[in-house]
């Protein structure tokens, strides 16, 4: 059961879920919500039994971005607010050894889109869209959005999306590589739950190593990537999980991975 006010938290069977819970505000990210979110992330990261974390939002939208009416956040210089209250959460998700899945309906706008895109997988309902809602109010993307969009879309598409304030729908996001799957809105929870359970059954050390490798390819040459893969492969080959996976394959049974 969740002990939070502005988010919901639950964990079972190696899967945790963190749900933004300000539906009447479009799950706008207030300072109070961000503090609770950071606490939940810390809880996930410190619990070795959790292998997958699902990030969701209650109501019509995943997250409309920063809560521009939040007095507490407004009292801080903007850069301090971003670097102190958002950046630790975003870095945690990207650098975590766990798999993060975003289940997204409605809008992922402003810095809310950065939270959706920084996850390892982004599952979009067919009514979902990503919106860089910055230039219309005289601001620039933040939360690493220019890096995430530039890497995924290339300069021309990313610039066009940002400068025009395009609301990029789910099918277009899937086509352009911003979404992992698109499902009917009423199937989003079930699809994500099944996906999380499937991933939680994979070898967690290998999943973490794969995430690390993929995050590194943007800044590495092909040759460096071959070397990094080889070193990770040797490390995996020495784990109990790898021995269990090979044994299960030869014995034609499902493996039981323990993260060892």
C-alpha atoms as a PDB file:
ATOM      1  CA  UNK A   1       0.000   0.000   0.000  1.00  0.00           C
ATOM      2  CA  UNK A   2       1.142   3.522  -0.782  1.00  0.00           C
ATOM      3  CA  UNK A   3       2.034   5.837   2.111  1.00  0.00           C
ATOM      4  CA  UNK A   4       2.346   8.882  -0.124  1.00  0.00           C
ATOM      5  CA  UNK A   5      -0.017  11.775  -0.841  1.00  0.00           C
ATOM      6  CA  UNK A   6       0.842  12.785  -4.388  1.00  0.00           C
ATOM      7  CA  UNK A   7       2.009   9.467  -5.800  1.00  0.00           C
ATOM      8  CA  UNK A   8       0.956   5.854  -5.401  1.00  0.00           C
ATOM      9  CA  UNK A   9       3.525   3.146  -4.796  1.00  0.00           C
ATOM     10  CA  UNK A  10       3.216  -0.619  -4.812  1.00  0.00           C
ATOM     11  CA  UNK A  11       5.586  -3.551  -5.262  1.00  0.00           C
ATOM     12  CA  UNK A  12       5.088  -7.289  -5.724  1.00  0.00           C
ATOM     13  CA  UNK A  13       6.656 -10.161  -7.654  1.00  0.00           C
ATOM     14  CA  UNK A  14       9.814  -8.199  -8.564  1.00  0.00           C
ATOM     15  CA  UNK A  15       7.776  -5.318 -10.088  1.00  0.00           C
ATOM     16  CA  UNK A  16       7.179  -1.893  -8.535  1.00  0.00           C
ATOM     17  CA  UNK A  17       4.791   0.768  -9.790  1.00  0.00           C
ATOM     18  CA  UNK A  18       5.032   4.505  -9.177  1.00  0.00           C
ATOM     19  CA  UNK A  19       1.944   6.466 -10.181  1.00  0.00           C
ATOM     20  CA  UNK A  20       1.680  10.237 -10.337  1.00  0.00           C
ATOM     21  CA  UNK A  21      -1.531  10.983  -8.460  1.00  0.00           C
ATOM     22  CA  UNK A  22      -2.658  14.537  -9.140  1.00  0.00           C
ATOM     23  CA  UNK A  23      -5.229  13.789 -11.869  1.00  0.00           C
ATOM     24  CA  UNK A  24      -7.130  17.060 -11.459  1.00  0.00           C
ATOM     25  CA  UNK A  25      -3.860  18.902 -12.185  1.00  0.00           C
ATOM     26  CA  UNK A  26      -2.912  16.636 -15.086  1.00  0.00           C
ATOM     27  CA  UNK A  27      -0.296  15.144 -12.757  1.00  0.00           C
ATOM     28  CA  UNK A  28       1.599  18.415 -12.867  1.00  0.00           C
ATOM     29  CA  UNK A  29       4.952  18.017 -11.139  1.00  0.00           C
ATOM     30  CA  UNK A  30       4.848  20.058  -7.951  1.00  0.00           C
ATOM     31  CA  UNK A  31       7.803  20.210  -5.591  1.00  0.00           C
ATOM     32  CA  UNK A  32       5.908  18.075  -3.070  1.00  0.00           C
ATOM     33  CA  UNK A  33       5.226  15.401  -5.694  1.00  0.00           C
ATOM     34  CA  UNK A  34       8.858  15.410  -6.822  1.00  0.00           C
ATOM     35  CA  UNK A  35      10.067  14.829  -3.271  1.00  0.00           C
ATOM     36  CA  UNK A  36       7.747  11.858  -2.908  1.00  0.00           C
ATOM     37  CA  UNK A  37       8.805  10.572  -6.323  1.00  0.00           C
ATOM     38  CA  UNK A  38      12.469  10.745  -5.323  1.00  0.00           C
ATOM     39  CA  UNK A  39      11.677   8.848  -2.125  1.00  0.00           C
ATOM     40  CA  UNK A  40       9.890   6.119  -4.108  1.00  0.00           C
ATOM     41  CA  UNK A  41      12.784   5.860  -6.567  1.00  0.00           C
ATOM     42  CA  UNK A  42      15.211   5.537  -3.676  1.00  0.00           C
ATOM     43  CA  UNK A  43      13.025   2.795  -2.239  1.00  0.00           C
ATOM     44  CA  UNK A  44      13.080   0.932  -5.558  1.00  0.00           C
ATOM     45  CA  UNK A  45      16.815   1.303  -6.017  1.00  0.00           C
ATOM     46  CA  UNK A  46      17.588   0.019  -2.523  1.00  0.00           C
ATOM     47  CA  UNK A  47      15.368  -3.068  -2.843  1.00  0.00           C
ATOM     48  CA  UNK A  48      17.204  -5.887  -4.623  1.00  0.00           C
ATOM     49  CA  UNK A  49      13.963  -7.822  -5.064  1.00  0.00           C
ATOM     50  CA  UNK A  50      12.640  -5.140  -7.448  1.00  0.00           C
ATOM     51  CA  UNK A  51      13.759  -5.694 -11.030  1.00  0.00           C
ATOM     52  CA  UNK A  52      11.246  -3.628 -13.016  1.00  0.00           C
ATOM     53  CA  UNK A  53       9.679  -0.261 -12.202  1.00  0.00           C
ATOM     54  CA  UNK A  54       6.534   0.949 -13.997  1.00  0.00           C
ATOM     55  CA  UNK A  55       5.931   4.699 -14.124  1.00  0.00           C
ATOM     56  CA  UNK A  56       2.296   5.764 -14.632  1.00  0.00           C
ATOM     57  CA  UNK A  57      -0.097   8.664 -14.171  1.00  0.00           C
ATOM     58  CA  UNK A  58      -3.663   8.633 -12.861  1.00  0.00           C
ATOM     59  CA  UNK A  59      -6.465  10.264 -14.824  1.00  0.00           C
ATOM     60  CA  UNK A  60      -6.602  11.469 -18.431  1.00  0.00           C
ATOM     61  CA  UNK A  61      -2.918  12.371 -18.772  1.00  0.00           C
ATOM     62  CA  UNK A  62       0.397  10.818 -17.898  1.00  0.00           C
ATOM     63  CA  UNK A  63       1.942  14.173 -16.977  1.00  0.00           C
ATOM     64  CA  UNK A  64       1.407  17.696 -18.326  1.00  0.00           C
ATOM     65  CA  UNK A  65       4.817  18.816 -17.067  1.00  0.00           C
ATOM     66  CA  UNK A  66       5.785  21.239 -14.338  1.00  0.00           C
ATOM     67  CA  UNK A  67       3.034  22.676 -12.170  1.00  0.00           C
ATOM     68  CA  UNK A  68       3.417  26.360 -13.058  1.00  0.00           C
ATOM     69  CA  UNK A  69       1.139  27.327 -10.154  1.00  0.00           C
ATOM     70  CA  UNK A  70       3.326  25.653  -7.517  1.00  0.00           C
ATOM     71  CA  UNK A  71       4.424  28.417  -5.144  1.00  0.00           C
ATOM     72  CA  UNK A  72       7.229  26.375  -3.555  1.00  0.00           C
ATOM     73  CA  UNK A  73       8.887  25.635  -6.885  1.00  0.00           C
ATOM     74  CA  UNK A  74       8.441  29.242  -8.046  1.00  0.00           C
ATOM     75  CA  UNK A  75      10.442  30.488  -5.054  1.00  0.00           C
ATOM     76  CA  UNK A  76      13.571  28.717  -6.350  1.00  0.00           C
ATOM     77  CA  UNK A  77      15.704  29.882  -9.301  1.00  0.00           C
ATOM     78  CA  UNK A  78      14.659  27.819 -12.314  1.00  0.00           C
ATOM     79  CA  UNK A  79      18.027  26.163 -12.874  1.00  0.00           C
ATOM     80  CA  UNK A  80      18.294  25.198  -9.209  1.00  0.00           C
ATOM     81  CA  UNK A  81      14.808  23.716  -9.302  1.00  0.00           C
ATOM     82  CA  UNK A  82      15.609  21.618 -12.369  1.00  0.00           C
ATOM     83  CA  UNK A  83      19.029  20.479 -11.181  1.00  0.00           C
ATOM     84  CA  UNK A  84      18.040  19.820  -7.566  1.00  0.00           C
ATOM     85  CA  UNK A  85      14.494  18.481  -7.908  1.00  0.00           C
ATOM     86  CA  UNK A  86      14.251  16.928 -11.384  1.00  0.00           C
ATOM     87  CA  UNK A  87      17.767  15.913 -12.424  1.00  0.00           C
ATOM     88  CA  UNK A  88      18.341  13.376  -9.611  1.00  0.00           C
ATOM     89  CA  UNK A  89      15.146  11.540 -10.591  1.00  0.00           C
ATOM     90  CA  UNK A  90      15.958  11.548 -14.303  1.00  0.00           C
ATOM     91  CA  UNK A  91      19.548  10.416 -13.735  1.00  0.00           C
ATOM     92  CA  UNK A  92      18.320   7.697 -11.388  1.00  0.00           C
ATOM     93  CA  UNK A  93      16.054   6.220 -14.052  1.00  0.00           C
ATOM     94  CA  UNK A  94      18.642   6.354 -16.820  1.00  0.00           C
ATOM     95  CA  UNK A  95      21.561   5.050 -14.754  1.00  0.00           C
ATOM     96  CA  UNK A  96      19.617   2.436 -12.795  1.00  0.00           C
ATOM     97  CA  UNK A  97      20.391  -1.260 -13.121  1.00  0.00           C
ATOM     98  CA  UNK A  98      16.655  -1.881 -13.100  1.00  0.00           C
ATOM     99  CA  UNK A  99      14.320  -1.688 -16.102  1.00  0.00           C
ATOM    100  CA  UNK A 100      11.965   1.305 -16.142  1.00  0.00           C
ATOM    101  CA  UNK A 101       8.765   1.175 -18.194  1.00  0.00           C
ATOM    102  CA  UNK A 102       6.569   4.210 -18.770  1.00  0.00           C
ATOM    103  CA  UNK A 103       2.862   3.501 -19.336  1.00  0.00           C
ATOM    104  CA  UNK A 104       1.511   6.641 -20.951  1.00  0.00           C
ATOM    105  CA  UNK A 105      -1.983   7.861 -21.717  1.00  0.00           C
ATOM    106  CA  UNK A 106      -3.013  11.325 -22.841  1.00  0.00           C
ATOM    107  CA  UNK A 107      -0.333  13.990 -22.667  1.00  0.00           C
ATOM    108  CA  UNK A 108       3.325  13.731 -21.803  1.00  0.00           C
ATOM    109  CA  UNK A 109       4.077  17.428 -22.051  1.00  0.00           C
ATOM    110  CA  UNK A 110       6.953  19.663 -21.060  1.00  0.00           C
ATOM    111  CA  UNK A 111       9.336  18.014 -18.640  1.00  0.00           C
ATOM    112  CA  UNK A 112       6.745  15.238 -18.288  1.00  0.00           C
ATOM    113  CA  UNK A 113       7.882  14.083 -21.732  1.00  0.00           C
ATOM    114  CA  UNK A 114      11.449  13.769 -20.442  1.00  0.00           C
ATOM    115  CA  UNK A 115      10.267  11.377 -17.743  1.00  0.00           C
ATOM    116  CA  UNK A 116       8.408   9.316 -20.344  1.00  0.00           C
ATOM    117  CA  UNK A 117      11.321   9.203 -22.772  1.00  0.00           C
ATOM    118  CA  UNK A 118      14.137   8.559 -20.290  1.00  0.00           C
ATOM    119  CA  UNK A 119      12.527   5.234 -19.353  1.00  0.00           C
ATOM    120  CA  UNK A 120      13.901   2.126 -21.046  1.00  0.00           C
ATOM    121  CA  UNK A 121      10.527   1.359 -22.610  1.00  0.00           C
ATOM    122  CA  UNK A 122       7.625   3.713 -23.331  1.00  0.00           C
ATOM    123  CA  UNK A 123       4.250   2.068 -23.861  1.00  0.00           C
ATOM    124  CA  UNK A 124       1.740   4.523 -25.315  1.00  0.00           C
ATOM    125  CA  UNK A 125      -2.022   4.277 -25.349  1.00  0.00           C
ATOM    126  CA  UNK A 126      -3.521   5.113 -28.727  1.00  0.00           C
ATOM    127  CA  UNK A 127      -4.729   8.434 -27.296  1.00  0.00           C
ATOM    128  CA  UNK A 128      -1.293   9.437 -26.006  1.00  0.00           C
ATOM    129  CA  UNK A 129       0.935  12.158 -27.396  1.00  0.00           C
ATOM    130  CA  UNK A 130       4.216  13.889 -26.656  1.00  0.00           C
ATOM    131  CA  UNK A 131       4.202  17.670 -26.622  1.00  0.00           C
ATOM    132  CA  UNK A 132       7.155  20.007 -26.217  1.00  0.00           C
ATOM    133  CA  UNK A 133       5.090  22.785 -24.645  1.00  0.00           C
ATOM    134  CA  UNK A 134       7.948  25.235 -24.229  1.00  0.00           C
ATOM    135  CA  UNK A 135       8.311  27.704 -27.102  1.00  0.00           C
ATOM    136  CA  UNK A 136       4.624  28.747 -26.944  1.00  0.00           C
ATOM    137  CA  UNK A 137       5.362  30.150 -23.468  1.00  0.00           C
ATOM    138  CA  UNK A 138       8.810  31.499 -24.313  1.00  0.00           C
ATOM    139  CA  UNK A 139      10.861  28.686 -22.781  1.00  0.00           C
ATOM    140  CA  UNK A 140      13.174  25.913 -23.976  1.00  0.00           C
ATOM    141  CA  UNK A 141      12.952  22.141 -23.438  1.00  0.00           C
ATOM    142  CA  UNK A 142      14.463  20.846 -20.211  1.00  0.00           C
ATOM    143  CA  UNK A 143      15.038  17.635 -18.307  1.00  0.00           C
ATOM    144  CA  UNK A 144      17.330  16.408 -21.073  1.00  0.00           C
ATOM    145  CA  UNK A 145      14.544  16.558 -23.668  1.00  0.00           C
ATOM    146  CA  UNK A 146      16.762  18.029 -26.404  1.00  0.00           C
ATOM    147  CA  UNK A 147      19.282  15.188 -25.883  1.00  0.00           C
ATOM    148  CA  UNK A 148      16.597  12.504 -25.852  1.00  0.00           C
ATOM    149  CA  UNK A 149      14.756  13.856 -28.892  1.00  0.00           C
ATOM    150  CA  UNK A 150      17.930  14.682 -30.806  1.00  0.00           C
ATOM    151  CA  UNK A 151      19.335  11.189 -30.276  1.00  0.00           C
ATOM    152  CA  UNK A 152      16.094   9.435 -31.195  1.00  0.00           C
ATOM    153  CA  UNK A 153      14.841  11.668 -34.003  1.00  0.00           C
ATOM    154  CA  UNK A 154      17.904  13.394 -35.419  1.00  0.00           C
ATOM    155  CA  UNK A 155      18.394  17.151 -35.505  1.00  0.00           C
ATOM    156  CA  UNK A 156      15.870  18.066 -38.213  1.00  0.00           C
ATOM    157  CA  UNK A 157      12.904  16.170 -36.800  1.00  0.00           C
ATOM    158  CA  UNK A 158      13.688  17.162 -33.226  1.00  0.00           C
ATOM    159  CA  UNK A 159      14.041  20.841 -34.110  1.00  0.00           C
ATOM    160  CA  UNK A 160      10.834  20.803 -36.134  1.00  0.00           C
ATOM    161  CA  UNK A 161       8.919  19.138 -33.312  1.00  0.00           C
ATOM    162  CA  UNK A 162      10.179  21.615 -30.728  1.00  0.00           C
ATOM    163  CA  UNK A 163      10.029  24.827 -32.786  1.00  0.00           C
ATOM    164  CA  UNK A 164       6.536  24.119 -34.150  1.00  0.00           C
ATOM    165  CA  UNK A 165       5.153  22.816 -30.867  1.00  0.00           C
ATOM    166  CA  UNK A 166       3.916  19.656 -32.579  1.00  0.00           C
ATOM    167  CA  UNK A 167       1.810  17.211 -30.599  1.00  0.00           C
ATOM    168  CA  UNK A 168       3.311  13.916 -31.728  1.00  0.00           C
ATOM    169  CA  UNK A 169       0.689  11.154 -31.597  1.00  0.00           C
ATOM    170  CA  UNK A 170       1.258   7.579 -30.515  1.00  0.00           C
ATOM    171  CA  UNK A 171       1.511   6.006 -33.966  1.00  0.00           C
ATOM    172  CA  UNK A 172       3.965   8.678 -35.122  1.00  0.00           C
ATOM    173  CA  UNK A 173       6.007   8.147 -31.950  1.00  0.00           C
ATOM    174  CA  UNK A 174       6.106   4.429 -32.674  1.00  0.00           C
ATOM    175  CA  UNK A 175       7.155   5.071 -36.264  1.00  0.00           C
ATOM    176  CA  UNK A 176       9.902   7.463 -35.180  1.00  0.00           C
ATOM    177  CA  UNK A 177      11.227   5.273 -32.370  1.00  0.00           C
ATOM    178  CA  UNK A 178       9.944   7.229 -29.367  1.00  0.00           C
ATOM    179  CA  UNK A 179       7.483   4.505 -28.350  1.00  0.00           C
ATOM    180  CA  UNK A 180       8.103   0.818 -27.725  1.00  0.00           C
ATOM    181  CA  UNK A 181       4.464  -0.259 -28.224  1.00  0.00           C
ATOM    182  CA  UNK A 182       1.103   1.357 -28.920  1.00  0.00           C
ATOM    183  CA  UNK A 183      -2.021  -0.257 -27.463  1.00  0.00           C
ATOM    184  CA  UNK A 184      -5.674   0.624 -27.024  1.00  0.00           C
ATOM    185  CA  UNK A 185      -6.188   2.903 -24.047  1.00  0.00           C
ATOM    186  CA  UNK A 186      -8.312   0.338 -22.205  1.00  0.00           C
ATOM    187  CA  UNK A 187      -5.558  -2.264 -22.645  1.00  0.00           C
ATOM    188  CA  UNK A 188      -2.664  -0.097 -21.428  1.00  0.00           C
ATOM    189  CA  UNK A 189      -2.574  -1.342 -17.839  1.00  0.00           C
ATOM    190  CA  UNK A 190      -2.936  -5.020 -18.723  1.00  0.00           C
ATOM    191  CA  UNK A 191      -0.351  -4.833 -21.502  1.00  0.00           C
ATOM    192  CA  UNK A 192       2.152  -3.039 -19.274  1.00  0.00           C
ATOM    193  CA  UNK A 193       1.546  -5.408 -16.372  1.00  0.00           C
ATOM    194  CA  UNK A 194       2.172  -8.444 -18.566  1.00  0.00           C
ATOM    195  CA  UNK A 195       5.255  -6.874 -20.115  1.00  0.00           C
ATOM    196  CA  UNK A 196       6.683  -5.986 -16.709  1.00  0.00           C
ATOM    197  CA  UNK A 197       6.092  -9.530 -15.459  1.00  0.00           C
ATOM    198  CA  UNK A 198       7.827 -10.966 -18.519  1.00  0.00           C
ATOM    199  CA  UNK A 199      10.861  -8.700 -18.119  1.00  0.00           C
ATOM    200  CA  UNK A 200      11.007  -9.386 -14.377  1.00  0.00           C
ATOM    201  CA  UNK A 201      11.446 -13.053 -15.270  1.00  0.00           C
ATOM    202  CA  UNK A 202      14.568 -12.334 -17.319  1.00  0.00           C
ATOM    203  CA  UNK A 203      18.082 -12.483 -15.888  1.00  0.00           C
ATOM    204  CA  UNK A 204      18.394  -9.151 -14.032  1.00  0.00           C
ATOM    205  CA  UNK A 205      22.184  -8.905 -14.285  1.00  0.00           C
ATOM    206  CA  UNK A 206      22.029  -9.392 -18.046  1.00  0.00           C
ATOM    207  CA  UNK A 207      19.201  -6.860 -18.336  1.00  0.00           C
ATOM    208  CA  UNK A 208      21.231  -4.299 -16.393  1.00  0.00           C
ATOM    209  CA  UNK A 209      24.311  -4.939 -18.542  1.00  0.00           C
ATOM    210  CA  UNK A 210      22.255  -4.567 -21.729  1.00  0.00           C
ATOM    211  CA  UNK A 211      20.898  -1.232 -20.496  1.00  0.00           C
ATOM    212  CA  UNK A 212      24.418  -0.034 -19.707  1.00  0.00           C
ATOM    213  CA  UNK A 213      25.690  -1.060 -23.132  1.00  0.00           C
ATOM    214  CA  UNK A 214      22.874   0.636 -25.021  1.00  0.00           C
ATOM    215  CA  UNK A 215      23.231   3.825 -22.994  1.00  0.00           C
ATOM    216  CA  UNK A 216      26.906   3.874 -23.895  1.00  0.00           C
ATOM    217  CA  UNK A 217      26.629   3.448 -27.664  1.00  0.00           C
ATOM    218  CA  UNK A 218      25.750   7.107 -28.234  1.00  0.00           C
ATOM    219  CA  UNK A 219      29.191   8.135 -26.993  1.00  0.00           C
ATOM    220  CA  UNK A 220      31.261   5.156 -28.184  1.00  0.00           C
ATOM    221  CA  UNK A 221      32.744   3.975 -31.439  1.00  0.00           C
ATOM    222  CA  UNK A 222      31.834   0.626 -32.961  1.00  0.00           C
ATOM    223  CA  UNK A 223      35.174  -0.801 -31.862  1.00  0.00           C
ATOM    224  CA  UNK A 224      34.751   0.407 -28.300  1.00  0.00           C
ATOM    225  CA  UNK A 225      31.260  -1.111 -28.225  1.00  0.00           C
ATOM    226  CA  UNK A 226      32.588  -4.512 -29.347  1.00  0.00           C
ATOM    227  CA  UNK A 227      35.099  -4.401 -26.494  1.00  0.00           C
ATOM    228  CA  UNK A 228      32.473  -3.329 -23.943  1.00  0.00           C
ATOM    229  CA  UNK A 229      30.137  -6.113 -25.056  1.00  0.00           C
ATOM    230  CA  UNK A 230      32.907  -8.695 -24.819  1.00  0.00           C
ATOM    231  CA  UNK A 231      33.767  -7.645 -21.272  1.00  0.00           C
ATOM    232  CA  UNK A 232      30.116  -7.723 -20.201  1.00  0.00           C
ATOM    233  CA  UNK A 233      29.714 -11.106 -21.866  1.00  0.00           C
ATOM    234  CA  UNK A 234      32.610 -12.530 -19.859  1.00  0.00           C
ATOM    235  CA  UNK A 235      31.058 -11.106 -16.688  1.00  0.00           C
ATOM    236  CA  UNK A 236      27.674 -12.632 -17.531  1.00  0.00           C
ATOM    237  CA  UNK A 237      29.230 -15.998 -18.392  1.00  0.00           C
ATOM    238  CA  UNK A 238      30.563 -16.225 -14.845  1.00  0.00           C
ATOM    239  CA  UNK A 239      27.188 -15.635 -13.161  1.00  0.00           C
ATOM    240  CA  UNK A 240      24.922 -18.249 -11.632  1.00  0.00           C
ATOM    241  CA  UNK A 241      22.081 -16.847 -13.743  1.00  0.00           C
ATOM    242  CA  UNK A 242      23.928 -17.707 -16.943  1.00  0.00           C
ATOM    243  CA  UNK A 243      24.585 -21.245 -15.754  1.00  0.00           C
ATOM    244  CA  UNK A 244      20.908 -21.560 -14.839  1.00  0.00           C
ATOM    245  CA  UNK A 245      19.826 -20.187 -18.231  1.00  0.00           C
ATOM    246  CA  UNK A 246      22.000 -22.656 -20.153  1.00  0.00           C
ATOM    247  CA  UNK A 247      20.882 -25.558 -17.959  1.00  0.00           C
ATOM    248  CA  UNK A 248      17.211 -24.624 -18.390  1.00  0.00           C
ATOM    249  CA  UNK A 249      17.655 -24.391 -22.159  1.00  0.00           C
ATOM    250  CA  UNK A 250      19.249 -27.837 -22.342  1.00  0.00           C
ATOM    251  CA  UNK A 251      16.640 -29.311 -19.993  1.00  0.00           C
ATOM    252  CA  UNK A 252      13.779 -27.616 -21.877  1.00  0.00           C
ATOM    253  CA  UNK A 253      12.356 -25.846 -18.845  1.00  0.00           C
ATOM    254  CA  UNK A 254      11.795 -22.252 -17.763  1.00  0.00           C
ATOM    255  CA  UNK A 255      14.806 -20.701 -16.015  1.00  0.00           C
ATOM    256  CA  UNK A 256      14.623 -19.271 -12.515  1.00  0.00           C
ATOM    257  CA  UNK A 257      16.938 -16.292 -12.292  1.00  0.00           C
ATOM    258  CA  UNK A 258      18.104 -14.987  -8.911  1.00  0.00           C
ATOM    259  CA  UNK A 259      20.255 -12.046  -9.906  1.00  0.00           C
ATOM    260  CA  UNK A 260      23.446 -13.839  -8.889  1.00  0.00           C
END
